[in-house]
Protein backbone atom coordinates (compact mmCIF):
# COMPACT_ATOMS: atom_id res chain seq x y z
CA MET A 1 84.39 57.51 101.32
CA ALA A 2 81.77 56.83 99.17
CA ARG A 3 79.26 54.09 99.04
CA HIS A 4 78.44 51.66 95.95
CA ARG A 5 75.54 50.92 94.61
CA SER A 6 73.73 48.03 94.45
CA PRO A 7 73.02 46.88 90.26
CA SER A 8 69.69 47.63 91.31
CA GLY A 9 70.07 50.69 92.92
CA ALA A 10 69.22 49.74 96.77
CA ARG A 11 71.21 50.19 99.10
CA PRO A 12 73.05 47.78 101.47
CA GLU A 13 72.34 47.23 104.72
CA PRO A 14 74.90 46.88 107.34
CA GLY A 15 75.34 43.70 107.76
CA GLU A 16 72.70 41.77 105.46
CA LEU A 17 73.57 39.64 103.08
CA ARG A 18 72.56 39.50 99.45
CA PRO A 19 72.03 35.88 97.73
CA ALA A 20 74.42 35.29 95.08
CA GLN A 21 73.85 36.00 91.21
CA PRO A 22 74.53 33.43 89.19
CA THR A 23 76.55 34.32 85.83
CA GLY A 24 75.53 33.54 82.29
CA SER A 25 71.84 33.18 80.79
CA HIS A 26 68.53 33.82 83.67
CA ARG A 27 66.68 29.94 83.39
CA LEU A 28 63.70 28.93 84.80
CA PRO A 29 62.63 26.69 87.19
CA PRO A 30 62.49 22.60 85.11
CA PRO A 31 58.85 22.01 84.74
CA PRO A 32 57.32 19.00 86.70
CA PRO A 33 57.88 15.39 84.75
CA PRO A 34 54.59 14.28 82.32
CA SER A 35 52.19 11.92 83.79
CA ALA A 36 52.24 8.70 82.15
CA SER A 37 48.86 8.89 80.64
CA LEU A 38 49.97 12.36 78.92
CA ARG A 39 53.23 11.04 78.33
CA GLY A 40 51.28 7.67 76.74
CA ARG A 41 48.85 9.85 74.95
CA VAL A 42 51.83 11.95 73.09
CA THR A 43 54.25 8.99 72.47
CA LEU A 44 51.10 7.56 70.05
CA ALA A 45 50.37 10.55 68.52
CA ALA A 46 53.80 10.80 67.55
CA ALA A 47 53.18 7.45 65.89
CA ALA A 48 50.26 8.18 64.62
CA ALA A 49 51.45 11.11 62.55
CA GLY A 50 54.89 8.97 61.72
CA ALA A 51 52.65 6.09 60.33
CA VAL A 52 50.82 8.62 58.28
CA VAL A 53 53.90 9.53 56.57
CA ALA A 54 55.09 6.16 56.36
CA GLY A 55 52.05 4.92 54.54
CA GLY A 56 52.61 7.29 51.92
CA GLN A 57 49.64 9.23 53.25
CA THR A 58 46.90 6.83 52.36
CA VAL A 59 43.92 8.91 53.73
CA VAL A 60 40.28 7.24 53.57
CA SER A 61 37.94 9.84 52.82
CA THR A 62 34.63 9.77 54.60
CA PHE A 63 31.84 11.47 54.71
CA THR A 64 28.94 12.41 56.80
CA ALA A 65 24.90 13.34 54.92
CA GLY A 66 25.82 16.42 54.63
CA PRO A 67 28.47 17.99 52.57
CA ASP A 68 31.11 18.70 54.72
CA VAL A 69 33.95 16.21 53.89
CA MET A 70 36.70 15.05 56.21
CA ALA A 71 39.91 12.64 56.10
CA VAL A 72 40.66 10.15 58.37
CA ALA A 73 44.09 8.91 57.84
CA ALA A 74 43.24 5.22 57.77
CA LEU A 75 46.06 4.32 60.56
CA LEU A 76 44.99 6.04 63.84
CA PRO A 77 44.12 4.41 66.32
CA VAL A 78 40.47 3.39 67.46
CA ALA A 79 38.60 4.62 70.11
CA ASP A 80 38.25 1.69 73.03
CA THR A 81 34.49 0.54 73.94
CA SER A 82 32.79 -0.07 76.83
CA THR A 83 30.05 -2.40 77.13
CA GLY A 84 27.44 -0.40 78.96
CA THR A 85 23.99 -2.15 80.52
CA GLY A 86 22.72 -4.94 78.76
CA GLY A 87 25.59 -6.20 77.00
CA THR A 88 25.97 -2.69 74.89
CA ALA A 89 28.90 -1.51 72.81
CA ILE A 90 30.00 2.21 74.08
CA ALA A 91 32.63 3.79 72.40
CA GLY A 92 34.95 6.10 73.77
CA THR A 93 36.95 9.37 73.03
CA ASP A 94 40.80 7.99 74.51
CA ALA A 95 41.40 7.64 70.46
CA ILE A 96 43.09 10.27 68.96
CA GLY A 97 40.63 12.23 66.34
CA ALA A 98 37.76 9.78 68.06
CA ASP A 99 35.74 13.11 69.27
CA GLN A 100 35.57 14.46 65.91
CA LEU A 101 34.72 11.87 63.98
CA PRO A 102 30.93 12.54 62.39
CA PRO A 103 28.10 10.93 63.72
CA GLY A 104 25.83 8.54 61.65
CA THR A 105 26.44 6.27 58.24
CA LEU A 106 29.17 7.00 56.84
CA ARG A 107 29.91 7.15 52.62
CA VAL A 108 32.97 6.70 50.44
CA GLY A 109 32.81 8.79 47.44
CA PRO A 110 35.58 11.72 45.81
CA LEU A 111 38.72 13.10 47.90
CA ASP A 112 37.63 16.39 47.14
CA GLY A 113 33.82 15.51 48.43
CA ASN A 114 32.86 16.76 45.18
CA PHE A 115 29.25 14.73 45.09
CA GLY A 116 26.86 17.91 43.40
CA PRO A 117 24.00 19.03 44.60
CA THR A 118 22.40 15.77 45.11
CA GLY A 119 24.31 14.08 47.30
CA HIS A 120 25.52 11.89 44.28
CA LEU A 121 29.38 11.64 41.86
CA ASP A 122 29.79 14.44 39.68
CA PRO A 123 28.59 13.68 36.11
CA ARG A 124 31.73 12.23 35.37
CA SER A 125 31.95 9.65 37.55
CA GLU A 126 28.77 8.49 37.12
CA VAL A 127 29.43 8.05 33.23
CA ASP A 128 32.58 6.25 33.99
CA VAL A 129 30.64 3.63 36.07
CA HIS A 130 27.78 3.29 33.33
CA ASN A 131 31.10 3.23 30.87
CA LEU A 132 32.67 0.62 33.12
CA THR A 133 29.52 -1.79 34.11
CA LYS A 134 28.67 -1.45 30.14
CA ALA A 135 32.07 -3.06 29.43
CA THR A 136 32.09 -5.62 31.80
CA ASP A 137 28.87 -6.73 30.17
CA ILE A 138 30.38 -6.91 26.45
CA GLY A 139 33.21 -8.45 27.84
CA GLN A 140 30.68 -11.64 29.34
CA GLU A 141 29.01 -11.33 26.47
CA ILE A 142 32.01 -12.21 24.32
CA ALA A 143 32.95 -14.82 26.66
CA LYS A 144 29.94 -16.74 26.30
CA ARG A 145 29.97 -16.14 23.10
CA THR A 146 33.02 -17.70 22.13
CA ALA A 147 32.58 -20.67 24.06
CA ILE A 148 29.35 -21.10 22.09
CA LEU A 149 31.97 -20.87 18.86
CA ARG A 150 34.22 -23.21 19.92
CA SER A 151 31.79 -25.80 20.86
CA ALA A 152 30.32 -25.75 17.26
CA LEU A 153 33.76 -25.81 15.83
CA SER A 154 34.55 -28.97 18.35
CA GLU A 155 33.93 -31.43 16.12
CA GLY A 156 35.55 -30.42 12.91
CA ALA A 157 32.61 -28.48 11.22
CA PRO A 158 34.70 -25.78 8.89
CA GLU A 159 32.65 -22.63 9.53
CA ALA A 160 30.45 -21.44 12.61
CA ASN A 161 28.90 -18.36 13.33
CA VAL A 162 26.52 -16.94 16.39
CA VAL A 163 22.55 -15.69 15.67
CA ASP A 164 20.59 -14.80 18.94
CA GLY A 165 22.63 -16.62 20.91
CA GLN A 166 22.61 -20.34 19.05
CA ALA A 167 25.46 -21.67 17.45
CA PHE A 168 25.30 -22.44 13.07
CA VAL A 169 27.61 -24.27 11.14
CA ARG A 170 28.47 -25.28 7.86
CA PRO A 171 27.17 -28.31 7.74
CA ALA A 172 30.03 -30.24 5.03
CA VAL A 173 33.09 -29.15 2.94
CA GLY A 174 32.92 -28.96 -0.71
CA ARG A 175 31.83 -27.59 -3.88
CA LEU A 176 27.60 -26.19 -4.25
CA THR A 177 27.47 -28.21 -7.32
CA SER A 178 22.82 -27.65 -8.01
CA LEU A 179 20.61 -24.82 -6.31
CA PHE A 180 16.93 -24.58 -5.18
CA GLY A 181 14.80 -24.15 -7.65
CA ALA A 182 13.59 -26.16 -11.50
CA ARG A 183 16.25 -28.64 -12.35
CA TRP A 184 15.29 -32.15 -15.03
CA GLY A 185 12.06 -30.93 -15.52
CA VAL A 186 11.07 -31.11 -11.58
CA THR A 187 11.60 -28.77 -8.98
CA HIS A 188 15.44 -29.76 -6.56
CA TYR A 189 13.99 -28.66 -3.20
CA GLY A 190 17.84 -28.25 -1.80
CA VAL A 191 21.17 -27.52 -3.00
CA ASP A 192 24.20 -30.03 -3.24
CA ILE A 193 27.01 -29.84 -1.60
CA ALA A 194 29.37 -32.42 -3.79
CA ASN A 195 32.72 -33.98 -1.92
CA THR A 196 34.04 -37.46 -1.70
CA ILE A 197 32.92 -40.62 0.21
CA GLY A 198 33.12 -40.32 3.63
CA THR A 199 33.11 -36.33 3.95
CA PRO A 200 31.79 -35.61 7.86
CA ILE A 201 28.20 -33.95 7.80
CA TYR A 202 27.34 -31.60 10.59
CA ALA A 203 24.21 -30.53 12.29
CA LEU A 204 23.49 -27.29 11.17
CA THR A 205 22.32 -26.29 14.97
CA ASP A 206 20.83 -27.21 17.85
CA GLY A 207 17.98 -30.20 17.46
CA VAL A 208 16.57 -33.37 17.83
CA VAL A 209 17.13 -36.48 15.29
CA GLU A 210 14.25 -37.23 13.68
CA GLU A 211 14.35 -39.59 11.58
CA SER A 212 17.56 -41.63 10.70
CA GLY A 213 17.98 -44.41 8.00
CA PRO A 214 16.82 -45.56 5.04
CA ALA A 215 14.77 -43.17 2.59
CA SER A 216 12.97 -43.41 -1.18
CA GLY A 217 15.20 -41.44 -3.57
CA PHE A 218 17.45 -39.95 -0.79
CA GLY A 219 18.89 -44.00 -0.31
CA MET A 220 19.68 -43.02 3.81
CA TRP A 221 18.63 -39.59 5.40
CA VAL A 222 19.16 -37.81 8.23
CA VAL A 223 16.10 -35.05 9.53
CA LEU A 224 16.87 -32.70 12.54
CA ARG A 225 13.82 -30.90 14.22
CA HIS A 226 15.09 -27.87 15.73
CA PRO A 227 13.66 -25.32 19.24
CA ASP A 228 11.31 -23.20 16.60
CA GLY A 229 10.05 -26.23 14.27
CA GLU A 230 11.83 -25.82 11.59
CA HIS A 231 13.52 -29.46 9.81
CA THR A 232 16.77 -29.65 8.43
CA VAL A 233 17.79 -32.53 5.88
CA TYR A 234 20.94 -34.43 5.50
CA GLY A 235 19.98 -37.02 2.02
CA HIS A 236 22.15 -39.34 0.02
CA VAL A 237 24.01 -40.21 2.94
CA ASN A 238 26.98 -43.15 3.65
CA ARG A 239 26.58 -43.49 7.40
CA SER A 240 24.51 -42.50 9.94
CA TYR A 241 25.61 -42.04 13.42
CA VAL A 242 22.94 -40.89 15.41
CA THR A 243 19.17 -42.07 16.21
CA PRO A 244 15.90 -41.48 16.20
CA GLY A 245 15.28 -38.63 19.69
CA GLN A 246 18.95 -37.93 20.47
CA GLN A 247 19.32 -34.65 20.98
CA VAL A 248 21.57 -32.93 18.86
CA ARG A 249 23.72 -29.89 19.40
CA ALA A 250 25.39 -27.79 16.46
CA GLY A 251 28.66 -28.76 14.82
CA GLU A 252 28.17 -32.46 16.12
CA HIS A 253 29.56 -35.19 13.38
CA ILE A 254 25.73 -36.63 12.70
CA ALA A 255 26.56 -38.45 9.15
CA ASP A 256 29.36 -38.95 6.44
CA ILE A 257 28.96 -37.79 2.69
CA GLY A 258 27.66 -40.79 0.52
CA ASN A 259 26.13 -41.49 -3.19
CA ARG A 260 23.10 -43.61 -2.17
CA GLY A 261 19.53 -43.49 -3.80
CA PHE A 262 18.99 -41.39 -7.21
CA SER A 263 22.20 -40.05 -7.45
CA THR A 264 24.30 -38.87 -10.14
CA GLY A 265 28.01 -38.54 -7.28
CA PRO A 266 28.70 -38.66 -4.20
CA HIS A 267 27.56 -35.25 -2.37
CA LEU A 268 24.76 -33.73 0.27
CA HIS A 269 21.63 -32.97 -0.21
CA LEU A 270 20.35 -30.12 2.22
CA GLU A 271 17.04 -29.43 2.65
CA VAL A 272 15.23 -26.64 5.09
CA TRP A 273 11.57 -27.26 6.02
CA ALA A 274 9.14 -24.24 7.65
CA PRO A 275 7.25 -25.83 10.07
CA ASP A 276 4.48 -25.35 8.18
CA GLY A 277 6.19 -27.92 6.24
CA THR A 278 7.16 -25.79 3.48
CA LYS A 279 10.15 -26.11 2.13
CA LEU A 280 12.87 -22.66 1.92
CA ASN A 281 15.77 -22.81 -0.08
CA PRO A 282 18.70 -22.86 2.26
CA LEU A 283 20.78 -20.68 0.27
CA PRO A 284 19.29 -17.21 2.20
CA TRP A 285 18.23 -19.43 5.07
CA LEU A 286 21.96 -20.11 5.32
CA ALA A 287 23.10 -16.38 5.12
CA ARG A 288 20.26 -14.81 7.45
CA HIS A 289 22.50 -17.05 9.93
CA GLY A 290 25.48 -16.33 9.09
CA ILE A 291 27.12 -19.11 6.79
CA GLN A 292 27.85 -19.10 2.98
CA LEU A 293 27.97 -21.82 0.82
């Protein structure tokens, strides 16, 4: 009777025992369980990767002095440190990616690393920074100007303007009835603003009270000396609210319109004196400071 051959083709010897062949697919023996250190690193890597995704792929771009760019996840764990000789901290390399962090000072820049050939931001970014700085300066200047105007108008002045950081106001509400120049055979050295007795008079700009009280021809007046040496004169006043030596600010209520002295009706007689005492035409002087009567 013919002998049957084994699947391998080898002929079994009489009395030899063959191990039983497993049915189904062949399997490799399972690997030994990972060490605790390895399990910890795998878990930490998975957690870091998940944190990056969950955080909306937030990244912080860090750059060395060279052109190479490396994006580093913001939530990666940092390397442990240990204390060396003399208390110096020594960074470890156990954290994920710690051995890949670039040495030296880090620079923050565009995500694409386009610093330009000189190591600076690209020209468009530099223009944006310049425009942002300029806009900030303009905003601060507007805020300062607004504060000055509010102060000048706070006591009721009808109009105010700012020139070179200084406020100037319309001195009174009323009708312009007489101009600077020849009048009735004499020179009229100011302008007249007519209104009812008691109408408020405001300081044209910041200054110091030089005169306040009776005055020949004006009945009563107030004279202010300003920082540039010029003077403003307010004549025919009914009542003064300031005293000599007092500091006043633009728009401050210093007196009321009256009809004292040589006057044909209640009005404010306004004069402007140059530092050398020359009497100036108030209308162009006021116009240069943004005030129209």
